[in-house]
Amino acid sequence: MGLVRRGFTREFKIAAIKELEAGKTVGVVARQMEVSRTVLYRWYREYKKHPTKAFSGPGKAIAVSHEAELERKVGQLTMEIDFLKKVLERLKEDQANNGGERYTRRSAKKVKR
């Protein structure tokens, strides 16, 4: 199972560029059309360089193997588990140091359980 890239039609790209030329900011157009700002900048440069030839091909498709996707997911889950272990450790230390009493850091008032 590979990574699927979204494809955009020439008309969609030109519509995005027309929005930029109408005075809208790149951030607004990016959110509105659900594309990244970097992509908009690239489309704009390409269109300005060759208006008639811009966006003629299907673009480059990048596929990621199923194994690579699973490895990425395992790495992400490992990081999350490590983070949660550290949080749990810290909570246990705080509880041991406070003798079972809890307090908020902001007010430093002790709260009985």
PDB file of N, CA and C in Angstrom:
ATOM      1  N   MET A   1       0.852  -1.177   0.000  1.00  0.00           N
ATOM      2  CA  MET A   1       0.000   0.000   0.000  1.00  0.00           C
ATOM      3  C   MET A   1       0.891   1.231   0.000  1.00  0.00           C
ATOM      4  N   GLY A   2       0.866   1.997  -1.082  1.00  0.00           N
ATOM      5  CA  GLY A   2       1.738   3.147  -1.205  1.00  0.00           C
ATOM      6  C   GLY A   2       1.033   4.439  -0.844  1.00  0.00           C
ATOM      7  N   LEU A   3       1.816   5.454  -0.677  1.00  0.00           N
ATOM      8  CA  LEU A   3       1.295   6.772  -0.388  1.00  0.00           C
ATOM      9  C   LEU A   3       0.703   7.358  -1.658  1.00  0.00           C
ATOM     10  N   VAL A   4      -0.499   7.871  -1.569  1.00  0.00           N
ATOM     11  CA  VAL A   4      -1.169   8.431  -2.733  1.00  0.00           C
ATOM     12  C   VAL A   4      -1.111   9.945  -2.644  1.00  0.00           C
ATOM     13  N   ARG A   5      -0.595  10.557  -3.686  1.00  0.00           N
ATOM     14  CA  ARG A   5      -0.526  12.011  -3.723  1.00  0.00           C
ATOM     15  C   ARG A   5      -1.777  12.548  -4.382  1.00  0.00           C
ATOM     16  N   ARG A   6      -2.230  13.669  -3.900  1.00  0.00           N
ATOM     17  CA  ARG A   6      -3.394  14.294  -4.511  1.00  0.00           C
ATOM     18  C   ARG A   6      -2.978  14.899  -5.842  1.00  0.00           C
ATOM     19  N   GLY A   7      -3.837  14.790  -6.800  1.00  0.00           N
ATOM     20  CA  GLY A   7      -3.578  15.401  -8.099  1.00  0.00           C
ATOM     21  C   GLY A   7      -4.478  16.608  -8.281  1.00  0.00           C
ATOM     22  N   PHE A   8      -3.969  17.653  -8.848  1.00  0.00           N
ATOM     23  CA  PHE A   8      -4.742  18.869  -9.061  1.00  0.00           C
ATOM     24  C   PHE A   8      -4.787  19.175 -10.551  1.00  0.00           C
ATOM     25  N   THR A   9      -5.935  19.567 -11.012  1.00  0.00           N
ATOM     26  CA  THR A   9      -6.079  19.901 -12.423  1.00  0.00           C
ATOM     27  C   THR A   9      -5.427  21.244 -12.707  1.00  0.00           C
ATOM     28  N   ARG A  10      -5.178  21.470 -13.966  1.00  0.00           N
ATOM     29  CA  ARG A  10      -4.599  22.743 -14.397  1.00  0.00           C
ATOM     30  C   ARG A  10      -5.528  23.891 -14.004  1.00  0.00           C
ATOM     31  N   GLU A  11      -6.830  23.671 -14.150  1.00  0.00           N
ATOM     32  CA  GLU A  11      -7.818  24.709 -13.821  1.00  0.00           C
ATOM     33  C   GLU A  11      -7.789  25.054 -12.335  1.00  0.00           C
ATOM     34  N   PHE A  12      -7.634  24.041 -11.495  1.00  0.00           N
ATOM     35  CA  PHE A  12      -7.563  24.264 -10.056  1.00  0.00           C
ATOM     36  C   PHE A  12      -6.347  25.118  -9.710  1.00  0.00           C
ATOM     37  N   LYS A  13      -5.202  24.773 -10.301  1.00  0.00           N
ATOM     38  CA  LYS A  13      -3.968  25.514 -10.028  1.00  0.00           C
ATOM     39  C   LYS A  13      -4.081  26.961 -10.498  1.00  0.00           C
ATOM     40  N   ILE A  14      -4.648  27.148 -11.672  1.00  0.00           N
ATOM     41  CA  ILE A  14      -4.799  28.512 -12.199  1.00  0.00           C
ATOM     42  C   ILE A  14      -5.784  29.301 -11.348  1.00  0.00           C
ATOM     43  N   ALA A  15      -6.841  28.641 -10.867  1.00  0.00           N
ATOM     44  CA  ALA A  15      -7.792  29.321  -9.989  1.00  0.00           C
ATOM     45  C   ALA A  15      -7.093  29.794  -8.708  1.00  0.00           C
ATOM     46  N   ALA A  16      -6.201  28.976  -8.171  1.00  0.00           N
ATOM     47  CA  ALA A  16      -5.454  29.363  -6.974  1.00  0.00           C
ATOM     48  C   ALA A  16      -4.565  30.566  -7.264  1.00  0.00           C
ATOM     49  N   ILE A  17      -3.920  30.563  -8.422  1.00  0.00           N
ATOM     50  CA  ILE A  17      -3.047  31.677  -8.799  1.00  0.00           C
ATOM     51  C   ILE A  17      -3.859  32.953  -8.995  1.00  0.00           C
ATOM     52  N   LYS A  18      -5.042  32.836  -9.576  1.00  0.00           N
ATOM     53  CA  LYS A  18      -5.904  34.011  -9.777  1.00  0.00           C
ATOM     54  C   LYS A  18      -6.326  34.599  -8.433  1.00  0.00           C
ATOM     55  N   GLU A  19      -6.553  33.738  -7.436  1.00  0.00           N
ATOM     56  CA  GLU A  19      -6.882  34.226  -6.090  1.00  0.00           C
ATOM     57  C   GLU A  19      -5.719  35.039  -5.518  1.00  0.00           C
ATOM     58  N   LEU A  20      -4.496  34.548  -5.745  1.00  0.00           N
ATOM     59  CA  LEU A  20      -3.312  35.282  -5.270  1.00  0.00           C
ATOM     60  C   LEU A  20      -3.199  36.625  -5.979  1.00  0.00           C
ATOM     61  N   GLU A  21      -3.436  36.610  -7.287  1.00  0.00           N
ATOM     62  CA  GLU A  21      -3.325  37.846  -8.054  1.00  0.00           C
ATOM     63  C   GLU A  21      -4.431  38.833  -7.702  1.00  0.00           C
ATOM     64  N   ALA A  22      -5.528  38.326  -7.152  1.00  0.00           N
ATOM     65  CA  ALA A  22      -6.629  39.197  -6.742  1.00  0.00           C
ATOM     66  C   ALA A  22      -6.317  39.915  -5.428  1.00  0.00           C
ATOM     67  N   GLY A  23      -5.208  39.554  -4.801  1.00  0.00           N
ATOM     68  CA  GLY A  23      -4.789  40.261  -3.596  1.00  0.00           C
ATOM     69  C   GLY A  23      -4.916  39.466  -2.316  1.00  0.00           C
ATOM     70  N   LYS A  24      -5.399  38.245  -2.392  1.00  0.00           N
ATOM     71  CA  LYS A  24      -5.495  37.427  -1.183  1.00  0.00           C
ATOM     72  C   LYS A  24      -4.100  36.964  -0.782  1.00  0.00           C
ATOM     73  N   THR A  25      -3.906  36.753   0.509  1.00  0.00           N
ATOM     74  CA  THR A  25      -2.605  36.298   0.979  1.00  0.00           C
ATOM     75  C   THR A  25      -2.444  34.811   0.698  1.00  0.00           C
ATOM     76  N   VAL A  26      -1.196  34.373   0.675  1.00  0.00           N
ATOM     77  CA  VAL A  26      -0.897  32.973   0.395  1.00  0.00           C
ATOM     78  C   VAL A  26      -1.508  32.085   1.476  1.00  0.00           C
ATOM     79  N   GLY A  27      -1.448  32.512   2.719  1.00  0.00           N
ATOM     80  CA  GLY A  27      -2.005  31.718   3.813  1.00  0.00           C
ATOM     81  C   GLY A  27      -3.506  31.510   3.676  1.00  0.00           C
ATOM     82  N   VAL A  28      -4.215  32.565   3.301  1.00  0.00           N
ATOM     83  CA  VAL A  28      -5.668  32.478   3.142  1.00  0.00           C
ATOM     84  C   VAL A  28      -6.016  31.534   1.996  1.00  0.00           C
ATOM     85  N   VAL A  29      -5.343  31.684   0.878  1.00  0.00           N
ATOM     86  CA  VAL A  29      -5.615  30.837  -0.288  1.00  0.00           C
ATOM     87  C   VAL A  29      -5.250  29.385   0.030  1.00  0.00           C
ATOM     88  N   ALA A  30      -4.157  29.172   0.729  1.00  0.00           N
ATOM     89  CA  ALA A  30      -3.726  27.812   1.080  1.00  0.00           C
ATOM     90  C   ALA A  30      -4.782  27.125   1.949  1.00  0.00           C
ATOM     91  N   ARG A  31      -5.297  27.834   2.954  1.00  0.00           N
ATOM     92  CA  ARG A  31      -6.335  27.250   3.808  1.00  0.00           C
ATOM     93  C   ARG A  31      -7.623  27.025   3.025  1.00  0.00           C
ATOM     94  N   GLN A  32      -7.974  27.998   2.221  1.00  0.00           N
ATOM     95  CA  GLN A  32      -9.217  27.926   1.448  1.00  0.00           C
ATOM     96  C   GLN A  32      -9.194  26.742   0.480  1.00  0.00           C
ATOM     97  N   MET A  33      -8.075  26.519  -0.183  1.00  0.00           N
ATOM     98  CA  MET A  33      -7.990  25.467  -1.199  1.00  0.00           C
ATOM     99  C   MET A  33      -7.378  24.175  -0.658  1.00  0.00           C
ATOM    100  N   GLU A  34      -7.009  24.185   0.629  1.00  0.00           N
ATOM    101  CA  GLU A  34      -6.467  23.010   1.312  1.00  0.00           C
ATOM    102  C   GLU A  34      -5.200  22.464   0.653  1.00  0.00           C
ATOM    103  N   VAL A  35      -4.259  23.367   0.399  1.00  0.00           N
ATOM    104  CA  VAL A  35      -2.938  22.998  -0.098  1.00  0.00           C
ATOM    105  C   VAL A  35      -1.910  23.758   0.740  1.00  0.00           C
ATOM    106  N   SER A  36      -0.666  23.323   0.670  1.00  0.00           N
ATOM    107  CA  SER A  36       0.354  24.001   1.474  1.00  0.00           C
ATOM    108  C   SER A  36       0.801  25.293   0.788  1.00  0.00           C
ATOM    109  N   ARG A  37       1.330  26.178   1.604  1.00  0.00           N
ATOM    110  CA  ARG A  37       1.818  27.454   1.070  1.00  0.00           C
ATOM    111  C   ARG A  37       2.962  27.228   0.095  1.00  0.00           C
ATOM    112  N   THR A  38       3.818  26.257   0.409  1.00  0.00           N
ATOM    113  CA  THR A  38       4.960  25.951  -0.456  1.00  0.00           C
ATOM    114  C   THR A  38       4.491  25.558  -1.848  1.00  0.00           C
ATOM    115  N   VAL A  39       3.450  24.754  -1.923  1.00  0.00           N
ATOM    116  CA  VAL A  39       2.907  24.327  -3.215  1.00  0.00           C
ATOM    117  C   VAL A  39       2.391  25.540  -3.985  1.00  0.00           C
ATOM    118  N   LEU A  40       1.692  26.431  -3.294  1.00  0.00           N
ATOM    119  CA  LEU A  40       1.189  27.635  -3.971  1.00  0.00           C
ATOM    120  C   LEU A  40       2.319  28.489  -4.525  1.00  0.00           C
ATOM    121  N   TYR A  41       3.363  28.671  -3.727  1.00  0.00           N
ATOM    122  CA  TYR A  41       4.513  29.436  -4.215  1.00  0.00           C
ATOM    123  C   TYR A  41       5.113  28.791  -5.465  1.00  0.00           C
ATOM    124  N   ARG A  42       5.241  27.458  -5.450  1.00  0.00           N
ATOM    125  CA  ARG A  42       5.807  26.750  -6.600  1.00  0.00           C
ATOM    126  C   ARG A  42       4.911  26.902  -7.829  1.00  0.00           C
ATOM    127  N   TRP A  43       3.610  26.756  -7.644  1.00  0.00           N
ATOM    128  CA  TRP A  43       2.678  26.918  -8.760  1.00  0.00           C
ATOM    129  C   TRP A  43       2.769  28.337  -9.336  1.00  0.00           C
ATOM    130  N   TYR A  44       2.842  29.307  -8.437  1.00  0.00           N
ATOM    131  CA  TYR A  44       2.890  30.707  -8.868  1.00  0.00           C
ATOM    132  C   TYR A  44       4.158  30.977  -9.677  1.00  0.00           C
ATOM    133  N   ARG A  45       5.314  30.494  -9.185  1.00  0.00           N
ATOM    134  CA  ARG A  45       6.573  30.687  -9.913  1.00  0.00           C
ATOM    135  C   ARG A  45       6.524  30.018 -11.284  1.00  0.00           C
ATOM    136  N   GLU A  46       6.009  28.794 -11.316  1.00  0.00           N
ATOM    137  CA  GLU A  46       5.931  28.065 -12.575  1.00  0.00           C
ATOM    138  C   GLU A  46       5.011  28.780 -13.571  1.00  0.00           C
ATOM    139  N   TYR A  47       3.909  29.286 -13.089  1.00  0.00           N
ATOM    140  CA  TYR A  47       2.958  29.974 -13.962  1.00  0.00           C
ATOM    141  C   TYR A  47       3.546  31.281 -14.493  1.00  0.00           C
ATOM    142  N   LYS A  48       4.239  32.013 -13.635  1.00  0.00           N
ATOM    143  CA  LYS A  48       4.833  33.284 -14.057  1.00  0.00           C
ATOM    144  C   LYS A  48       5.956  33.068 -15.072  1.00  0.00           C
ATOM    145  N   LYS A  49       6.667  31.951 -14.938  1.00  0.00           N
ATOM    146  CA  LYS A  49       7.778  31.657 -15.838  1.00  0.00           C
ATOM    147  C   LYS A  49       7.278  31.299 -17.239  1.00  0.00           C
ATOM    148  N   HIS A  50       6.273  30.438 -17.319  1.00  0.00           N
ATOM    149  CA  HIS A  50       5.724  29.987 -18.607  1.00  0.00           C
ATOM    150  C   HIS A  50       4.208  29.859 -18.491  1.00  0.00           C
ATOM    151  N   PRO A  51       3.465  30.931 -18.650  1.00  0.00           N
ATOM    152  CA  PRO A  51       2.013  30.876 -18.451  1.00  0.00           C
ATOM    153  C   PRO A  51       1.292  29.870 -19.356  1.00  0.00           C
ATOM    154  N   THR A  52       1.734  29.723 -20.588  1.00  0.00           N
ATOM    155  CA  THR A  52       1.024  28.824 -21.492  1.00  0.00           C
ATOM    156  C   THR A  52       1.448  27.365 -21.315  1.00  0.00           C
ATOM    157  N   LYS A  53       2.678  27.125 -20.867  1.00  0.00           N
ATOM    158  CA  LYS A  53       3.183  25.760 -20.728  1.00  0.00           C
ATOM    159  C   LYS A  53       3.044  25.219 -19.301  1.00  0.00           C
ATOM    160  N   ALA A  54       2.683  26.049 -18.376  1.00  0.00           N
ATOM    161  CA  ALA A  54       2.630  25.622 -16.975  1.00  0.00           C
ATOM    162  C   ALA A  54       1.565  24.553 -16.764  1.00  0.00           C
ATOM    163  N   PHE A  55       1.899  23.576 -15.944  1.00  0.00           N
ATOM    164  CA  PHE A  55       0.984  22.518 -15.510  1.00  0.00           C
ATOM    165  C   PHE A  55       0.513  21.638 -16.662  1.00  0.00           C
ATOM    166  N   SER A  56       1.384  21.313 -17.581  1.00  0.00           N
ATOM    167  CA  SER A  56       0.975  20.501 -18.723  1.00  0.00           C
ATOM    168  C   SER A  56       0.998  19.004 -18.426  1.00  0.00           C
ATOM    169  N   GLY A  57       1.828  18.562 -17.485  1.00  0.00           N
ATOM    170  CA  GLY A  57       1.961  17.129 -17.224  1.00  0.00           C
ATOM    171  C   GLY A  57       1.240  16.687 -15.972  1.00  0.00           C
ATOM    172  N   PRO A  58       1.252  15.378 -15.714  1.00  0.00           N
ATOM    173  CA  PRO A  58       0.579  14.853 -14.534  1.00  0.00           C
ATOM    174  C   PRO A  58       1.369  15.039 -13.241  1.00  0.00           C
ATOM    175  N   GLY A  59       2.603  15.491 -13.323  1.00  0.00           N
ATOM    176  CA  GLY A  59       3.421  15.662 -12.135  1.00  0.00           C
ATOM    177  C   GLY A  59       4.123  14.375 -11.764  1.00  0.00           C
ATOM    178  N   LYS A  60       4.869  14.406 -10.674  1.00  0.00           N
ATOM    179  CA  LYS A  60       5.616  13.236 -10.222  1.00  0.00           C
ATOM    180  C   LYS A  60       4.828  12.540  -9.119  1.00  0.00           C
ATOM    181  N   ALA A  61       4.736  11.255  -9.213  1.00  0.00           N
ATOM    182  CA  ALA A  61       4.073  10.476  -8.179  1.00  0.00           C
ATOM    183  C   ALA A  61       5.121   9.768  -7.339  1.00  0.00           C
ATOM    184  N   ILE A  62       4.998   9.867  -6.051  1.00  0.00           N
ATOM    185  CA  ILE A  62       5.936   9.224  -5.143  1.00  0.00           C
ATOM    186  C   ILE A  62       5.171   8.150  -4.377  1.00  0.00           C
ATOM    187  N   ALA A  63       5.668   6.957  -4.429  1.00  0.00           N
ATOM    188  CA  ALA A  63       5.030   5.847  -3.718  1.00  0.00           C
ATOM    189  C   ALA A  63       5.923   5.399  -2.575  1.00  0.00           C
ATOM    190  N   VAL A  64       5.303   5.096  -1.471  1.00  0.00           N
ATOM    191  CA  VAL A  64       6.026   4.604  -0.310  1.00  0.00           C
ATOM    192  C   VAL A  64       5.569   3.170  -0.076  1.00  0.00           C
ATOM    193  N   SER A  65       6.506   2.302   0.157  1.00  0.00           N
ATOM    194  CA  SER A  65       6.159   0.899   0.348  1.00  0.00           C
ATOM    195  C   SER A  65       5.383   0.715   1.646  1.00  0.00           C
ATOM    196  N   HIS A  66       4.663  -0.381   1.690  1.00  0.00           N
ATOM    197  CA  HIS A  66       3.872  -0.712   2.870  1.00  0.00           C
ATOM    198  C   HIS A  66       4.776  -0.894   4.082  1.00  0.00           C
ATOM    199  N   GLU A  67       5.932  -1.509   3.875  1.00  0.00           N
ATOM    200  CA  GLU A  67       6.865  -1.736   4.976  1.00  0.00           C
ATOM    201  C   GLU A  67       7.378  -0.406   5.542  1.00  0.00           C
ATOM    202  N   ALA A  68       7.680   0.531   4.670  1.00  0.00           N
ATOM    203  CA  ALA A  68       8.171   1.833   5.128  1.00  0.00           C
ATOM    204  C   ALA A  68       7.096   2.560   5.928  1.00  0.00           C
ATOM    205  N   GLU A  69       5.864   2.437   5.488  1.00  0.00           N
ATOM    206  CA  GLU A  69       4.757   3.071   6.210  1.00  0.00           C
ATOM    207  C   GLU A  69       4.599   2.455   7.599  1.00  0.00           C
ATOM    208  N   LEU A  70       4.720   1.127   7.682  1.00  0.00           N
ATOM    209  CA  LEU A  70       4.616   0.451   8.977  1.00  0.00           C
ATOM    210  C   LEU A  70       5.772   0.823   9.893  1.00  0.00           C
ATOM    211  N   GLU A  71       6.984   0.923   9.344  1.00  0.00           N
ATOM    212  CA  GLU A  71       8.141   1.324  10.145  1.00  0.00           C
ATOM    213  C   GLU A  71       7.953   2.732  10.706  1.00  0.00           C
ATOM    214  N   ARG A  72       7.423   3.622   9.903  1.00  0.00           N
ATOM    215  CA  ARG A  72       7.167   4.986  10.365  1.00  0.00           C
ATOM    216  C   ARG A  72       6.162   4.971  11.515  1.00  0.00           C
ATOM    217  N   LYS A  73       5.116   4.176  11.377  1.00  0.00           N
ATOM    218  CA  LYS A  73       4.093   4.085  12.411  1.00  0.00           C
ATOM    219  C   LYS A  73       4.660   3.495  13.696  1.00  0.00           C
ATOM    220  N   VAL A  74       5.493   2.454  13.580  1.00  0.00           N
ATOM    221  CA  VAL A  74       6.119   1.850  14.754  1.00  0.00           C
ATOM    222  C   VAL A  74       7.001   2.878  15.465  1.00  0.00           C
ATOM    223  N   GLY A  75       7.764   3.636  14.706  1.00  0.00           N
ATOM    224  CA  GLY A  75       8.609   4.665  15.292  1.00  0.00           C
ATOM    225  C   GLY A  75       7.793   5.721  16.025  1.00  0.00           C
ATOM    226  N   GLN A  76       6.690   6.122  15.433  1.00  0.00           N
ATOM    227  CA  GLN A  76       5.833   7.126  16.055  1.00  0.00           C
ATOM    228  C   GLN A  76       5.243   6.580  17.355  1.00  0.00           C
ATOM    229  N   LEU A  77       4.750   5.350  17.338  1.00  0.00           N
ATOM    230  CA  LEU A  77       4.177   4.743  18.538  1.00  0.00           C
ATOM    231  C   LEU A  77       5.230   4.545  19.626  1.00  0.00           C
ATOM    232  N   THR A  78       6.456   4.200  19.234  1.00  0.00           N
ATOM    233  CA  THR A  78       7.535   4.048  20.205  1.00  0.00           C
ATOM    234  C   THR A  78       7.812   5.368  20.912  1.00  0.00           C
ATOM    235  N   MET A  79       7.829   6.451  20.154  1.00  0.00           N
ATOM    236  CA  MET A  79       8.049   7.770  20.755  1.00  0.00           C
ATOM    237  C   MET A  79       6.921   8.117  21.723  1.00  0.00           C
ATOM    238  N   GLU A  80       5.695   7.812  21.357  1.00  0.00           N
ATOM    239  CA  GLU A  80       4.564   8.104  22.230  1.00  0.00           C
ATOM    240  C   GLU A  80       4.633   7.290  23.517  1.00  0.00           C
ATOM    241  N   ILE A  81       5.008   6.019  23.403  1.00  0.00           N
ATOM    242  CA  ILE A  81       5.130   5.163  24.580  1.00  0.00           C
ATOM    243  C   ILE A  81       6.225   5.685  25.504  1.00  0.00           C
ATOM    244  N   ASP A  82       7.373   6.067  24.947  1.00  0.00           N
ATOM    245  CA  ASP A  82       8.462   6.613  25.755  1.00  0.00           C
ATOM    246  C   ASP A  82       8.021   7.871  26.493  1.00  0.00           C
ATOM    247  N   PHE A  83       7.288   8.731  25.805  1.00  0.00           N
ATOM    248  CA  PHE A  83       6.792   9.961  26.426  1.00  0.00           C
ATOM    249  C   PHE A  83       5.867   9.637  27.596  1.00  0.00           C
ATOM    250  N   LEU A  84       4.938   8.718  27.373  1.00  0.00           N
ATOM    251  CA  LEU A  84       3.990   8.366  28.430  1.00  0.00           C
ATOM    252  C   LEU A  84       4.681   7.700  29.618  1.00  0.00           C
ATOM    253  N   LYS A  85       5.720   6.918  29.362  1.00  0.00           N
ATOM    254  CA  LYS A  85       6.481   6.307  30.456  1.00  0.00           C
ATOM    255  C   LYS A  85       7.128   7.387  31.316  1.00  0.00           C
ATOM    256  N   LYS A  86       7.694   8.410  30.667  1.00  0.00           N
ATOM    257  CA  LYS A  86       8.331   9.497  31.417  1.00  0.00           C
ATOM    258  C   LYS A  86       7.308  10.265  32.242  1.00  0.00           C
ATOM    259  N   VAL A  87       6.128  10.494  31.671  1.00  0.00           N
ATOM    260  CA  VAL A  87       5.076  11.198  32.405  1.00  0.00           C
ATOM    261  C   VAL A  87       4.652  10.383  33.620  1.00  0.00           C
ATOM    262  N   LEU A  88       4.453   9.100  33.437  1.00  0.00           N
ATOM    263  CA  LEU A  88       4.062   8.227  34.539  1.00  0.00           C
ATOM    264  C   LEU A  88       5.127   8.204  35.627  1.00  0.00           C
ATOM    265  N   GLU A  89       6.391   8.136  35.219  1.00  0.00           N
ATOM    266  CA  GLU A  89       7.492   8.168  36.171  1.00  0.00           C
ATOM    267  C   GLU A  89       7.474   9.452  36.993  1.00  0.00           C
ATOM    268  N   ARG A  90       7.266  10.557  36.312  1.00  0.00           N
ATOM    269  CA  ARG A  90       7.253  11.856  36.990  1.00  0.00           C
ATOM    270  C   ARG A  90       6.081  11.960  37.959  1.00  0.00           C
ATOM    271  N   LEU A  91       4.928  11.443  37.552  1.00  0.00           N
ATOM    272  CA  LEU A  91       3.768  11.462  38.442  1.00  0.00           C
ATOM    273  C   LEU A  91       4.015  10.626  39.691  1.00  0.00           C
ATOM    274  N   LYS A  92       4.659   9.472  39.521  1.00  0.00           N
ATOM    275  CA  LYS A  92       4.971   8.624  40.668  1.00  0.00           C
ATOM    276  C   LYS A  92       5.954   9.319  41.598  1.00  0.00           C
ATOM    277  N   GLU A  93       6.953   9.994  41.028  1.00  0.00           N
ATOM    278  CA  GLU A  93       7.928  10.724  41.849  1.00  0.00           C
ATOM    279  C   GLU A  93       7.255  11.856  42.606  1.00  0.00           C
ATOM    280  N   ASP A  94       6.400  12.606  41.932  1.00  0.00           N
ATOM    281  CA  ASP A  94       5.690  13.710  42.588  1.00  0.00           C
ATOM    282  C   ASP A  94       4.821  13.197  43.722  1.00  0.00           C
ATOM    283  N   GLN A  95       4.162  12.083  43.486  1.00  0.00           N
ATOM    284  CA  GLN A  95       3.300  11.521  44.510  1.00  0.00           C
ATOM    285  C   GLN A  95       4.123  11.040  45.705  1.00  0.00           C
ATOM    286  N   ALA A  96       5.264  10.426  45.454  1.00  0.00           N
ATOM    287  CA  ALA A  96       6.119   9.953  46.537  1.00  0.00           C
ATOM    288  C   ALA A  96       6.710  11.125  47.323  1.00  0.00           C
ATOM    289  N   ASN A  97       7.089  12.175  46.643  1.00  0.00           N
ATOM    290  CA  ASN A  97       7.694  13.341  47.301  1.00  0.00           C
ATOM    291  C   ASN A  97       6.687  14.136  48.106  1.00  0.00           C
ATOM    292  N   ASN A  98       5.432  14.095  47.726  1.00  0.00           N
ATOM    293  CA  ASN A  98       4.414  14.896  48.403  1.00  0.00           C
ATOM    294  C   ASN A  98       3.646  14.104  49.445  1.00  0.00           C
ATOM    295  N   GLY A  99       3.994  12.881  49.664  1.00  0.00           N
ATOM    296  CA  GLY A  99       3.336  12.077  50.689  1.00  0.00           C
ATOM    297  C   GLY A  99       1.865  11.845  50.403  1.00  0.00           C
ATOM    298  N   GLY A 100       1.514  11.719  49.169  1.00  0.00           N
ATOM    299  CA  GLY A 100       0.121  11.467  48.824  1.00  0.00           C
ATOM    300  C   GLY A 100      -0.702  12.726  48.655  1.00  0.00           C
ATOM    301  N   GLU A 101      -0.143  13.896  48.991  1.00  0.00           N
ATOM    302  CA  GLU A 101      -0.866  15.152  48.825  1.00  0.00           C
ATOM    303  C   GLU A 101      -0.603  15.697  47.436  1.00  0.00           C
ATOM    304  N   ARG A 102      -1.608  16.345  46.898  1.00  0.00           N
ATOM    305  CA  ARG A 102      -1.457  16.932  45.573  1.00  0.00           C
ATOM    306  C   ARG A 102      -1.579  18.451  45.685  1.00  0.00           C
ATOM    307  N   TYR A 103      -0.949  19.121  44.770  1.00  0.00           N
ATOM    308  CA  TYR A 103      -1.075  20.568  44.710  1.00  0.00           C
ATOM    309  C   TYR A 103      -0.944  21.003  43.264  1.00  0.00           C
ATOM    310  N   THR A 104      -1.451  22.179  43.013  1.00  0.00           N
ATOM    311  CA  THR A 104      -1.301  22.716  41.669  1.00  0.00           C
ATOM    312  C   THR A 104      -0.048  23.548  41.626  1.00  0.00           C
ATOM    313  N   ARG A 105       0.631  23.520  40.534  1.00  0.00           N
ATOM    314  CA  ARG A 105       1.890  24.269  40.435  1.00  0.00           C
ATOM    315  C   ARG A 105       1.643  25.774  40.499  1.00  0.00           C
ATOM    316  N   ARG A 106       0.542  26.210  39.938  1.00  0.00           N
ATOM    317  CA  ARG A 106       0.274  27.640  39.882  1.00  0.00           C
ATOM    318  C   ARG A 106       0.026  28.206  41.273  1.00  0.00           C
ATOM    319  N   SER A 107      -0.805  27.537  42.052  1.00  0.00           N
ATOM    320  CA  SER A 107      -1.149  28.095  43.354  1.00  0.00           C
ATOM    321  C   SER A 107      -0.283  27.545  44.481  1.00  0.00           C
ATOM    322  N   ALA A 108       0.302  26.363  44.283  1.00  0.00           N
ATOM    323  CA  ALA A 108       1.130  25.685  45.276  1.00  0.00           C
ATOM    324  C   ALA A 108       0.349  25.417  46.558  1.00  0.00           C
ATOM    325  N   LYS A 109      -0.980  25.358  46.464  1.00  0.00           N
ATOM    326  CA  LYS A 109      -1.811  24.999  47.622  1.00  0.00           C
ATOM    327  C   LYS A 109      -1.947  23.487  47.644  1.00  0.00           C
ATOM    328  N   LYS A 110      -1.857  22.932  48.831  1.00  0.00           N
ATOM    329  CA  LYS A 110      -1.983  21.493  48.962  1.00  0.00           C
ATOM    330  C   LYS A 110      -3.462  21.122  48.965  1.00  0.00           C
ATOM    331  N   VAL A 111      -3.738  20.023  48.295  1.00  0.00           N
ATOM    332  CA  VAL A 111      -5.102  19.528  48.201  1.00  0.00           C
ATOM    333  C   VAL A 111      -5.117  18.116  48.764  1.00  0.00           C
ATOM    334  N   LYS A 112      -5.950  17.867  49.770  1.00  0.00           N
ATOM    335  CA  LYS A 112      -6.060  16.528  50.355  1.00  0.00           C
ATOM    336  C   LYS A 112      -6.914  15.659  49.448  1.00  0.00           C
ATOM    337  N   ARG A 113      -6.537  14.405  49.368  1.00  0.00           N
ATOM    338  CA  ARG A 113      -7.339  13.454  48.580  1.00  0.00           C
ATOM    339  C   ARG A 113      -8.419  12.862  49.411  1.00  0.00           C
TER     340      ARG A 113
END
